[in-house]
Amino acid sequence: MTKVLHLEAINRSFGDRQVLRDVTFDVTAGRMTGFVGANGAGKTTSMRIILGVLAPDSGEVTWQGSKLTREDRRRFGYMPEERGLYPKMTVRDQLVYLGRLHGMTLDAVRRKVDELLEWLSLGERANDPVENLSLGNQQRAQIAAALVHEPDVLVLDEPFSGLDPMAVDTVVSVLREHTHRGVPVLFSSHQLDVVERLCDDLVIIADGVIRAAGSRDSLREAYAQRRFSLRVAGDAGWVRDLPGVSLVDLDGARAVFDLADDADDQVVLRAALERGPVRSFGPVTPSLAEIFREVAR
């Protein structure tokens, strides 16, 4: 049975303000699910409900087909957006302490901590108090804290915040190692370029409502317009005169255009070939950022 974390019709209000409305989506084993939305959209509230920090007003969270229990949640790894480590403790002592809280033996947790410190390039800072670390290294330590007990599920709220590009790559490689083992990973991020590169699946939330959810490729296909890009040897301005063509962008030899539903893209290609060499021609696939802007507005 595929390990799936499933949210079904989750509703949650704070006073008279409803912040989640029938939130439903899956996080599947071995896949990284990006959870995106504007500030206040409901991402953190959803994650806290998954972890049991908050209770839903209605709806249910299940794991492998059964209602999520307290014991299940002990096997989850959670990284909150707000850093939650003890500032006076050293990085190593902090991680060992957290692993012991999860029931790991001292030998096992020490081995795991050494592994994580190496993976996350924190070895040289292992004996420094957390408060003495840079913000980026504090973020790495926070990620290590979520991983130390070898969790069955990872729920990470803004894990890439404050990381430089090289640190993002380091963290991504660690998370990919976990998905390769079959661990489901749910992460939120405002950095849509990172989400674009990293996620296998995407969930978009706006005003507490799931606006889109599915695999990265299926969403790109679903939200693709009849938009094409053409690059020729000469000037491509003639494209605007073809029937059914609506020019979007023209830059000398390159034209981006939309086609009417009854227009044939092969007609455009033949017209281009009649005028000379065609360097490239094909549909334009929307980026995740473009999809997000379309569905979240």
C-alpha atoms as a PDB file:
ATOM      1  CA  MET A   1       0.000   0.000   0.000  1.00  0.00           C
ATOM      2  CA  THR A   2       1.362   3.394  -0.977  1.00  0.00           C
ATOM      3  CA  LYS A   3       1.997   5.561   2.046  1.00  0.00           C
ATOM      4  CA  VAL A   4      -0.212   8.606   1.714  1.00  0.00           C
ATOM      5  CA  LEU A   5      -0.904  11.451   4.101  1.00  0.00           C
ATOM      6  CA  HIS A   6      -4.413  12.641   3.264  1.00  0.00           C
ATOM      7  CA  LEU A   7      -6.347  15.721   4.341  1.00  0.00           C
ATOM      8  CA  GLU A   8     -10.095  15.458   3.816  1.00  0.00           C
ATOM      9  CA  ALA A   9     -12.451  18.459   3.985  1.00  0.00           C
ATOM     10  CA  ILE A  10     -10.530  20.275   6.724  1.00  0.00           C
ATOM     11  CA  ASN A  11     -12.248  23.373   8.088  1.00  0.00           C
ATOM     12  CA  ARG A  12     -10.875  25.702  10.723  1.00  0.00           C
ATOM     13  CA  SER A  13     -11.934  29.089  12.079  1.00  0.00           C
ATOM     14  CA  PHE A  14     -10.444  31.518  14.553  1.00  0.00           C
ATOM     15  CA  GLY A  15     -13.363  33.373  16.082  1.00  0.00           C
ATOM     16  CA  ASP A  16     -15.614  34.498  13.254  1.00  0.00           C
ATOM     17  CA  ARG A  17     -12.829  34.250  10.645  1.00  0.00           C
ATOM     18  CA  GLN A  18     -12.732  30.996   8.678  1.00  0.00           C
ATOM     19  CA  VAL A  19      -9.147  30.318   7.612  1.00  0.00           C
ATOM     20  CA  LEU A  20      -9.551  26.856   6.030  1.00  0.00           C
ATOM     21  CA  ARG A  21     -12.483  25.762   3.871  1.00  0.00           C
ATOM     22  CA  ASP A  22     -12.826  22.071   2.931  1.00  0.00           C
ATOM     23  CA  VAL A  23      -9.067  21.693   2.463  1.00  0.00           C
ATOM     24  CA  THR A  24      -8.383  18.357   0.736  1.00  0.00           C
ATOM     25  CA  PHE A  25      -5.104  17.070  -0.716  1.00  0.00           C
ATOM     26  CA  ASP A  26      -2.589  14.198  -0.592  1.00  0.00           C
ATOM     27  CA  VAL A  27       1.108  13.936   0.222  1.00  0.00           C
ATOM     28  CA  THR A  28       2.428  10.743  -1.364  1.00  0.00           C
ATOM     29  CA  ALA A  29       5.345   8.522  -0.426  1.00  0.00           C
ATOM     30  CA  GLY A  30       8.614   9.234  -2.185  1.00  0.00           C
ATOM     31  CA  ARG A  31       7.414  12.569  -3.559  1.00  0.00           C
ATOM     32  CA  MET A  32       8.013  16.183  -2.612  1.00  0.00           C
ATOM     33  CA  THR A  33       4.831  18.208  -2.430  1.00  0.00           C
ATOM     34  CA  GLY A  34       5.189  21.969  -2.620  1.00  0.00           C
ATOM     35  CA  PHE A  35       2.539  23.893  -0.661  1.00  0.00           C
ATOM     36  CA  VAL A  36       2.282  27.475  -1.886  1.00  0.00           C
ATOM     37  CA  GLY A  37       0.100  30.453  -1.139  1.00  0.00           C
ATOM     38  CA  ALA A  38       0.307  34.072  -0.055  1.00  0.00           C
ATOM     39  CA  ASN A  39       0.803  35.059   3.581  1.00  0.00           C
ATOM     40  CA  GLY A  40      -2.353  34.202   5.504  1.00  0.00           C
ATOM     41  CA  ALA A  41      -3.574  31.738   2.872  1.00  0.00           C
ATOM     42  CA  GLY A  42      -3.724  28.840   5.347  1.00  0.00           C
ATOM     43  CA  LYS A  43      -0.466  26.924   4.838  1.00  0.00           C
ATOM     44  CA  THR A  44       0.816  27.056   8.405  1.00  0.00           C
ATOM     45  CA  THR A  45      -2.614  26.339   9.872  1.00  0.00           C
ATOM     46  CA  SER A  46      -2.922  23.255   7.658  1.00  0.00           C
ATOM     47  CA  MET A  47       0.514  22.044   8.716  1.00  0.00           C
ATOM     48  CA  ARG A  48      -0.242  22.565  12.401  1.00  0.00           C
ATOM     49  CA  ILE A  49      -3.412  20.526  12.021  1.00  0.00           C
ATOM     50  CA  ILE A  50      -1.423  17.712  10.403  1.00  0.00           C
ATOM     51  CA  LEU A  51       0.946  17.739  13.392  1.00  0.00           C
ATOM     52  CA  GLY A  52      -1.856  17.938  15.956  1.00  0.00           C
ATOM     53  CA  VAL A  53      -0.784  21.362  17.203  1.00  0.00           C
ATOM     54  CA  LEU A  54      -4.252  22.584  16.188  1.00  0.00           C
ATOM     55  CA  ALA A  55      -7.472  20.623  15.863  1.00  0.00           C
ATOM     56  CA  PRO A  56      -9.755  21.070  12.846  1.00  0.00           C
ATOM     57  CA  ASP A  57     -13.331  22.220  13.361  1.00  0.00           C
ATOM     58  CA  SER A  58     -14.308  19.448  10.951  1.00  0.00           C
ATOM     59  CA  GLY A  59     -12.632  17.067   8.536  1.00  0.00           C
ATOM     60  CA  GLU A  60      -9.984  14.418   9.057  1.00  0.00           C
ATOM     61  CA  VAL A  61      -6.287  13.737   8.522  1.00  0.00           C
ATOM     62  CA  THR A  62      -5.387  10.135   7.687  1.00  0.00           C
ATOM     63  CA  TRP A  63      -2.129   8.248   7.285  1.00  0.00           C
ATOM     64  CA  GLN A  64      -2.049   5.076   5.199  1.00  0.00           C
ATOM     65  CA  GLY A  65      -5.846   5.019   5.170  1.00  0.00           C
ATOM     66  CA  SER A  66      -6.381   5.292   8.932  1.00  0.00           C
ATOM     67  CA  LYS A  67      -7.105   8.271  11.132  1.00  0.00           C
ATOM     68  CA  LEU A  68      -3.885   9.904  12.221  1.00  0.00           C
ATOM     69  CA  THR A  69      -3.000   9.051  15.830  1.00  0.00           C
ATOM     70  CA  ARG A  70      -0.695  10.573  18.407  1.00  0.00           C
ATOM     71  CA  GLU A  71       1.666   7.628  17.973  1.00  0.00           C
ATOM     72  CA  ASP A  72       1.738   8.211  14.195  1.00  0.00           C
ATOM     73  CA  ARG A  73       2.651  11.837  14.765  1.00  0.00           C
ATOM     74  CA  ARG A  74       5.621  10.812  16.918  1.00  0.00           C
ATOM     75  CA  ARG A  75       7.103   9.432  13.696  1.00  0.00           C
ATOM     76  CA  PHE A  76       6.647  12.737  11.845  1.00  0.00           C
ATOM     77  CA  GLY A  77       9.387  15.317  11.377  1.00  0.00           C
ATOM     78  CA  TYR A  78       8.235  18.924  11.660  1.00  0.00           C
ATOM     79  CA  MET A  79      10.060  22.147  11.024  1.00  0.00           C
ATOM     80  CA  PRO A  80       8.096  25.265  12.054  1.00  0.00           C
ATOM     81  CA  GLU A  81       8.550  28.557  10.263  1.00  0.00           C
ATOM     82  CA  GLU A  82       9.553  30.167  13.567  1.00  0.00           C
ATOM     83  CA  ARG A  83      12.853  28.755  14.782  1.00  0.00           C
ATOM     84  CA  GLY A  84      12.255  26.631  17.872  1.00  0.00           C
ATOM     85  CA  LEU A  85      15.709  25.525  19.044  1.00  0.00           C
ATOM     86  CA  TYR A  86      17.226  26.303  22.434  1.00  0.00           C
ATOM     87  CA  PRO A  87      19.639  29.178  21.738  1.00  0.00           C
ATOM     88  CA  LYS A  88      22.117  28.427  24.549  1.00  0.00           C
ATOM     89  CA  MET A  89      22.607  24.747  23.651  1.00  0.00           C
ATOM     90  CA  THR A  90      25.249  23.665  21.179  1.00  0.00           C
ATOM     91  CA  VAL A  91      24.070  22.288  17.852  1.00  0.00           C
ATOM     92  CA  ARG A  92      25.248  18.759  18.670  1.00  0.00           C
ATOM     93  CA  ASP A  93      23.755  18.684  22.164  1.00  0.00           C
ATOM     94  CA  GLN A  94      20.492  20.070  20.807  1.00  0.00           C
ATOM     95  CA  LEU A  95      20.163  17.337  18.195  1.00  0.00           C
ATOM     96  CA  VAL A  96      21.168  14.551  20.580  1.00  0.00           C
ATOM     97  CA  TYR A  97      18.635  15.807  23.118  1.00  0.00           C
ATOM     98  CA  LEU A  98      15.822  15.850  20.559  1.00  0.00           C
ATOM     99  CA  GLY A  99      16.710  12.389  19.285  1.00  0.00           C
ATOM    100  CA  ARG A 100      16.654  11.038  22.841  1.00  0.00           C
ATOM    101  CA  LEU A 101      13.203  12.595  23.348  1.00  0.00           C
ATOM    102  CA  HIS A 102      12.067  10.494  20.389  1.00  0.00           C
ATOM    103  CA  GLY A 103      13.295   7.349  22.129  1.00  0.00           C
ATOM    104  CA  MET A 104      16.555   6.810  20.250  1.00  0.00           C
ATOM    105  CA  THR A 105      19.455   5.142  22.035  1.00  0.00           C
ATOM    106  CA  LEU A 106      22.453   7.321  22.763  1.00  0.00           C
ATOM    107  CA  ASP A 107      24.676   5.440  20.301  1.00  0.00           C
ATOM    108  CA  ALA A 108      22.048   5.566  17.548  1.00  0.00           C
ATOM    109  CA  VAL A 109      21.355   9.252  17.963  1.00  0.00           C
ATOM    110  CA  ARG A 110      25.052  10.143  18.028  1.00  0.00           C
ATOM    111  CA  ARG A 111      25.580   8.286  14.740  1.00  0.00           C
ATOM    112  CA  LYS A 112      22.588  10.028  13.197  1.00  0.00           C
ATOM    113  CA  VAL A 113      23.673  13.454  14.421  1.00  0.00           C
ATOM    114  CA  ASP A 114      27.162  12.992  12.963  1.00  0.00           C
ATOM    115  CA  GLU A 115      25.585  11.989   9.653  1.00  0.00           C
ATOM    116  CA  LEU A 116      23.284  15.018   9.592  1.00  0.00           C
ATOM    117  CA  LEU A 117      26.048  17.440  10.562  1.00  0.00           C
ATOM    118  CA  GLU A 118      28.104  16.175   7.644  1.00  0.00           C
ATOM    119  CA  TRP A 119      25.176  16.204   5.187  1.00  0.00           C
ATOM    120  CA  LEU A 120      24.196  19.739   6.126  1.00  0.00           C
ATOM    121  CA  SER A 121      27.752  21.099   6.312  1.00  0.00           C
ATOM    122  CA  LEU A 122      27.440  21.918  10.009  1.00  0.00           C
ATOM    123  CA  GLY A 123      30.333  19.810  11.293  1.00  0.00           C
ATOM    124  CA  GLU A 124      32.570  22.789  12.041  1.00  0.00           C
ATOM    125  CA  ARG A 125      29.779  24.467  14.017  1.00  0.00           C
ATOM    126  CA  ALA A 126      28.640  21.370  15.930  1.00  0.00           C
ATOM    127  CA  ASN A 127      29.925  22.654  19.292  1.00  0.00           C
ATOM    128  CA  ASP A 128      28.751  26.243  18.850  1.00  0.00           C
ATOM    129  CA  PRO A 129      25.660  27.490  20.679  1.00  0.00           C
ATOM    130  CA  VAL A 130      22.730  27.853  18.313  1.00  0.00           C
ATOM    131  CA  GLU A 131      22.491  31.582  19.051  1.00  0.00           C
ATOM    132  CA  ASN A 132      26.017  32.087  17.671  1.00  0.00           C
ATOM    133  CA  LEU A 133      25.141  30.669  14.263  1.00  0.00           C
ATOM    134  CA  SER A 134      24.249  32.724  11.211  1.00  0.00           C
ATOM    135  CA  LEU A 135      20.587  32.699  10.255  1.00  0.00           C
ATOM    136  CA  GLY A 136      21.338  30.292   7.416  1.00  0.00           C
ATOM    137  CA  ASN A 137      23.140  27.855   9.716  1.00  0.00           C
ATOM    138  CA  GLN A 138      20.347  28.133  12.274  1.00  0.00           C
ATOM    139  CA  GLN A 139      17.994  27.110   9.490  1.00  0.00           C
ATOM    140  CA  ARG A 140      20.174  24.090   8.691  1.00  0.00           C
ATOM    141  CA  ALA A 141      20.192  23.125  12.366  1.00  0.00           C
ATOM    142  CA  GLN A 142      16.407  23.423  12.455  1.00  0.00           C
ATOM    143  CA  ILE A 143      16.163  21.081   9.457  1.00  0.00           C
ATOM    144  CA  ALA A 144      18.509  18.629  11.172  1.00  0.00           C
ATOM    145  CA  ALA A 145      16.211  18.705  14.206  1.00  0.00           C
ATOM    146  CA  ALA A 146      13.289  17.628  12.009  1.00  0.00           C
ATOM    147  CA  LEU A 147      15.345  14.752  10.567  1.00  0.00           C
ATOM    148  CA  VAL A 148      17.223  13.429  13.590  1.00  0.00           C
ATOM    149  CA  HIS A 149      14.728  10.680  14.524  1.00  0.00           C
ATOM    150  CA  GLU A 150      14.503   9.346  10.945  1.00  0.00           C
ATOM    151  CA  PRO A 151      10.839  10.307  10.484  1.00  0.00           C
ATOM    152  CA  ASP A 152       8.253   8.529   8.338  1.00  0.00           C
ATOM    153  CA  VAL A 153       6.832  11.859   7.091  1.00  0.00           C
ATOM    154  CA  LEU A 154       8.374  15.329   6.788  1.00  0.00           C
ATOM    155  CA  VAL A 155       6.350  18.535   7.169  1.00  0.00           C
ATOM    156  CA  LEU A 156       8.530  21.608   6.630  1.00  0.00           C
ATOM    157  CA  ASP A 157       7.281  25.191   6.895  1.00  0.00           C
ATOM    158  CA  GLU A 158       9.510  27.504   4.821  1.00  0.00           C
ATOM    159  CA  PRO A 159      12.634  25.299   5.044  1.00  0.00           C
ATOM    160  CA  PHE A 160      14.597  27.380   2.514  1.00  0.00           C
ATOM    161  CA  SER A 161      14.055  30.763   4.148  1.00  0.00           C
ATOM    162  CA  GLY A 162      17.363  32.524   4.772  1.00  0.00           C
ATOM    163  CA  LEU A 163      19.433  30.010   2.783  1.00  0.00           C
ATOM    164  CA  ASP A 164      21.804  31.020   0.012  1.00  0.00           C
ATOM    165  CA  PRO A 165      21.652  29.071  -3.278  1.00  0.00           C
ATOM    166  CA  MET A 166      24.427  26.663  -2.274  1.00  0.00           C
ATOM    167  CA  ALA A 167      22.740  25.949   1.061  1.00  0.00           C
ATOM    168  CA  VAL A 168      19.438  25.356  -0.742  1.00  0.00           C
ATOM    169  CA  ASP A 169      21.165  22.756  -2.917  1.00  0.00           C
ATOM    170  CA  THR A 170      22.604  21.086   0.190  1.00  0.00           C
ATOM    171  CA  VAL A 171      19.209  20.867   1.875  1.00  0.00           C
ATOM    172  CA  VAL A 172      17.544  19.685  -1.328  1.00  0.00           C
ATOM    173  CA  SER A 173      20.018  16.804  -1.622  1.00  0.00           C
ATOM    174  CA  VAL A 174      19.256  15.745   1.963  1.00  0.00           C
ATOM    175  CA  LEU A 175      15.507  15.863   1.375  1.00  0.00           C
ATOM    176  CA  ARG A 176      15.852  13.947  -1.883  1.00  0.00           C
ATOM    177  CA  GLU A 177      17.715  11.246  -0.003  1.00  0.00           C
ATOM    178  CA  HIS A 178      14.619  10.861   2.185  1.00  0.00           C
ATOM    179  CA  THR A 179      12.156  10.764  -0.706  1.00  0.00           C
ATOM    180  CA  HIS A 180      14.287   8.082  -2.336  1.00  0.00           C
ATOM    181  CA  ARG A 181      13.643   6.039   0.811  1.00  0.00           C
ATOM    182  CA  GLY A 182       9.893   6.523   0.324  1.00  0.00           C
ATOM    183  CA  VAL A 183       9.348   9.357   2.804  1.00  0.00           C
ATOM    184  CA  PRO A 184       6.529  11.784   1.867  1.00  0.00           C
ATOM    185  CA  VAL A 185       7.691  15.416   2.115  1.00  0.00           C
ATOM    186  CA  LEU A 186       5.369  18.416   2.386  1.00  0.00           C
ATOM    187  CA  PHE A 187       7.088  21.792   2.291  1.00  0.00           C
ATOM    188  CA  SER A 188       5.861  25.354   1.992  1.00  0.00           C
ATOM    189  CA  SER A 189       7.870  28.089   0.343  1.00  0.00           C
ATOM    190  CA  HIS A 190       7.506  31.613  -0.991  1.00  0.00           C
ATOM    191  CA  GLN A 191      10.434  30.954  -3.350  1.00  0.00           C
ATOM    192  CA  LEU A 192       8.540  29.778  -6.412  1.00  0.00           C
ATOM    193  CA  ASP A 193      11.736  29.177  -8.363  1.00  0.00           C
ATOM    194  CA  VAL A 194      12.773  26.644  -5.715  1.00  0.00           C
ATOM    195  CA  VAL A 195       9.333  25.045  -5.764  1.00  0.00           C
ATOM    196  CA  GLU A 196       9.504  24.855  -9.560  1.00  0.00           C
ATOM    197  CA  ARG A 197      12.819  23.018  -9.429  1.00  0.00           C
ATOM    198  CA  LEU A 198      12.093  20.804  -6.453  1.00  0.00           C
ATOM    199  CA  CYS A 199       8.492  19.679  -6.190  1.00  0.00           C
ATOM    200  CA  ASP A 200       6.985  16.550  -7.730  1.00  0.00           C
ATOM    201  CA  ASP A 201       3.482  17.639  -6.745  1.00  0.00           C
ATOM    202  CA  LEU A 202       1.997  21.055  -6.067  1.00  0.00           C
ATOM    203  CA  VAL A 203      -0.820  22.315  -3.858  1.00  0.00           C
ATOM    204  CA  ILE A 204      -1.928  25.941  -4.253  1.00  0.00           C
ATOM    205  CA  ILE A 205      -4.026  27.510  -1.503  1.00  0.00           C
ATOM    206  CA  ALA A 206      -5.633  30.964  -1.498  1.00  0.00           C
ATOM    207  CA  ASP A 207      -7.980  32.419   1.118  1.00  0.00           C
ATOM    208  CA  GLY A 208      -8.133  29.041   2.852  1.00  0.00           C
ATOM    209  CA  VAL A 209      -9.313  27.200  -0.285  1.00  0.00           C
ATOM    210  CA  ILE A 210      -7.313  24.719  -2.372  1.00  0.00           C
ATOM    211  CA  ARG A 211      -7.291  26.246  -5.838  1.00  0.00           C
ATOM    212  CA  ALA A 212      -5.181  23.603  -7.588  1.00  0.00           C
ATOM    213  CA  ALA A 213      -3.485  20.319  -6.675  1.00  0.00           C
ATOM    214  CA  GLY A 214      -1.715  17.637  -8.662  1.00  0.00           C
ATOM    215  CA  SER A 215       1.597  16.639 -10.165  1.00  0.00           C
ATOM    216  CA  ARG A 216       3.800  19.384 -11.525  1.00  0.00           C
ATOM    217  CA  ASP A 217       3.477  18.093 -15.089  1.00  0.00           C
ATOM    218  CA  SER A 218      -0.296  17.567 -14.962  1.00  0.00           C
ATOM    219  CA  LEU A 219      -0.854  21.093 -13.666  1.00  0.00           C
ATOM    220  CA  ARG A 220       1.347  22.557 -16.377  1.00  0.00           C
ATOM    221  CA  GLU A 221      -0.649  20.644 -18.962  1.00  0.00           C
ATOM    222  CA  ALA A 222      -3.999  21.580 -17.418  1.00  0.00           C
ATOM    223  CA  TYR A 223      -3.174  25.298 -17.348  1.00  0.00           C
ATOM    224  CA  ALA A 224      -1.356  25.454 -20.655  1.00  0.00           C
ATOM    225  CA  GLN A 225      -2.931  27.833 -23.148  1.00  0.00           C
ATOM    226  CA  ARG A 226      -2.661  27.498 -26.914  1.00  0.00           C
ATOM    227  CA  ARG A 227       0.514  29.546 -26.718  1.00  0.00           C
ATOM    228  CA  PHE A 228       3.479  28.904 -28.993  1.00  0.00           C
ATOM    229  CA  SER A 229       7.003  30.153 -29.467  1.00  0.00           C
ATOM    230  CA  LEU A 230       8.608  30.517 -32.898  1.00  0.00           C
ATOM    231  CA  ARG A 231      12.184  31.447 -33.734  1.00  0.00           C
ATOM    232  CA  VAL A 232      13.174  31.968 -37.369  1.00  0.00           C
ATOM    233  CA  ALA A 233      16.259  33.091 -39.260  1.00  0.00           C
ATOM    234  CA  GLY A 234      14.868  36.526 -40.112  1.00  0.00           C
ATOM    235  CA  ASP A 235      12.219  38.821 -38.691  1.00  0.00           C
ATOM    236  CA  ALA A 236       9.125  37.082 -37.303  1.00  0.00           C
ATOM    237  CA  GLY A 237       6.784  40.089 -37.440  1.00  0.00           C
ATOM    238  CA  TRP A 238       4.741  38.541 -40.248  1.00  0.00           C
ATOM    239  CA  VAL A 239       3.188  36.128 -37.711  1.00  0.00           C
ATOM    240  CA  ARG A 240       0.786  38.808 -36.531  1.00  0.00           C
ATOM    241  CA  ASP A 241      -0.917  38.835 -39.939  1.00  0.00           C
ATOM    242  CA  LEU A 242      -1.895  35.138 -39.895  1.00  0.00           C
ATOM    243  CA  PRO A 243      -5.550  34.325 -39.153  1.00  0.00           C
ATOM    244  CA  GLY A 244      -6.222  33.086 -35.624  1.00  0.00           C
ATOM    245  CA  VAL A 245      -2.920  34.415 -34.269  1.00  0.00           C
ATOM    246  CA  SER A 246      -2.755  36.833 -31.343  1.00  0.00           C
ATOM    247  CA  LEU A 247       0.770  38.112 -30.849  1.00  0.00           C
ATOM    248  CA  VAL A 248       1.981  38.117 -27.225  1.00  0.00           C
ATOM    249  CA  ASP A 249       5.625  39.088 -27.653  1.00  0.00           C
ATOM    250  CA  LEU A 250       7.902  39.894 -30.587  1.00  0.00           C
ATOM    251  CA  ASP A 251      11.674  40.228 -30.375  1.00  0.00           C
ATOM    252  CA  GLY A 252      13.123  40.236 -33.857  1.00  0.00           C
ATOM    253  CA  ALA A 253      13.439  36.609 -34.896  1.00  0.00           C
ATOM    254  CA  ARG A 254      11.376  35.278 -31.973  1.00  0.00           C
ATOM    255  CA  ALA A 255       7.607  35.522 -31.650  1.00  0.00           C
ATOM    256  CA  VAL A 256       5.347  34.266 -28.864  1.00  0.00           C
ATOM    257  CA  PHE A 257       1.688  34.058 -29.814  1.00  0.00           C
ATOM    258  CA  ASP A 258      -1.670  32.562 -28.825  1.00  0.00           C
ATOM    259  CA  LEU A 259      -3.727  30.555 -31.292  1.00  0.00           C
ATOM    260  CA  ALA A 260      -7.513  30.582 -31.517  1.00  0.00           C
ATOM    261  CA  ASP A 261      -9.182  27.245 -30.768  1.00  0.00           C
ATOM    262  CA  ASP A 262      -9.977  26.669 -34.443  1.00  0.00           C
ATOM    263  CA  ALA A 263      -6.482  27.643 -35.688  1.00  0.00           C
ATOM    264  CA  ASP A 264      -3.903  25.017 -36.659  1.00  0.00           C
ATOM    265  CA  ASP A 265      -0.366  25.427 -35.347  1.00  0.00           C
ATOM    266  CA  GLN A 266       0.933  23.494 -38.377  1.00  0.00           C
ATOM    267  CA  VAL A 267      -0.357  26.275 -40.634  1.00  0.00           C
ATOM    268  CA  VAL A 268       1.932  28.690 -38.803  1.00  0.00           C
ATOM    269  CA  LEU A 269       4.853  26.287 -39.070  1.00  0.00           C
ATOM    270  CA  ARG A 270       4.337  25.821 -42.817  1.00  0.00           C
ATOM    271  CA  ALA A 271       4.136  29.577 -43.299  1.00  0.00           C
ATOM    272  CA  ALA A 272       7.420  29.960 -41.428  1.00  0.00           C
ATOM    273  CA  LEU A 273       9.155  27.270 -43.482  1.00  0.00           C
ATOM    274  CA  GLU A 274       8.036  28.944 -46.690  1.00  0.00           C
ATOM    275  CA  ARG A 275       9.888  32.072 -45.581  1.00  0.00           C
ATOM    276  CA  GLY A 276      13.161  30.374 -44.600  1.00  0.00           C
ATOM    277  CA  PRO A 277      14.841  28.299 -41.882  1.00  0.00           C
ATOM    278  CA  VAL A 278      12.961  27.671 -38.624  1.00  0.00           C
ATOM    279  CA  ARG A 279      15.263  27.574 -35.597  1.00  0.00           C
ATOM    280  CA  SER A 280      12.630  26.405 -33.101  1.00  0.00           C
ATOM    281  CA  PHE A 281       8.884  26.004 -32.824  1.00  0.00           C
ATOM    282  CA  GLY A 282       6.680  24.550 -30.095  1.00  0.00           C
ATOM    283  CA  PRO A 283       4.126  25.116 -27.343  1.00  0.00           C
ATOM    284  CA  VAL A 284       4.984  27.304 -24.368  1.00  0.00           C
ATOM    285  CA  THR A 285       4.630  25.444 -21.065  1.00  0.00           C
ATOM    286  CA  PRO A 286       3.535  27.683 -18.181  1.00  0.00           C
ATOM    287  CA  SER A 287       5.827  27.951 -15.173  1.00  0.00           C
ATOM    288  CA  LEU A 288       4.514  27.141 -11.712  1.00  0.00           C
ATOM    289  CA  ALA A 289       4.779  30.845 -10.882  1.00  0.00           C
ATOM    290  CA  GLU A 290       2.454  31.652 -13.793  1.00  0.00           C
ATOM    291  CA  ILE A 291       0.011  28.940 -12.717  1.00  0.00           C
ATOM    292  CA  PHE A 292       0.108  30.254  -9.145  1.00  0.00           C
ATOM    293  CA  ARG A 293      -0.623  33.801 -10.267  1.00  0.00           C
ATOM    294  CA  GLU A 294      -3.524  32.618 -12.409  1.00  0.00           C
ATOM    295  CA  VAL A 295      -5.292  30.466  -9.818  1.00  0.00           C
ATOM    296  CA  ALA A 296      -4.515  32.469  -6.668  1.00  0.00           C
ATOM    297  CA  ARG A 297      -5.731  35.874  -7.799  1.00  0.00           C
END
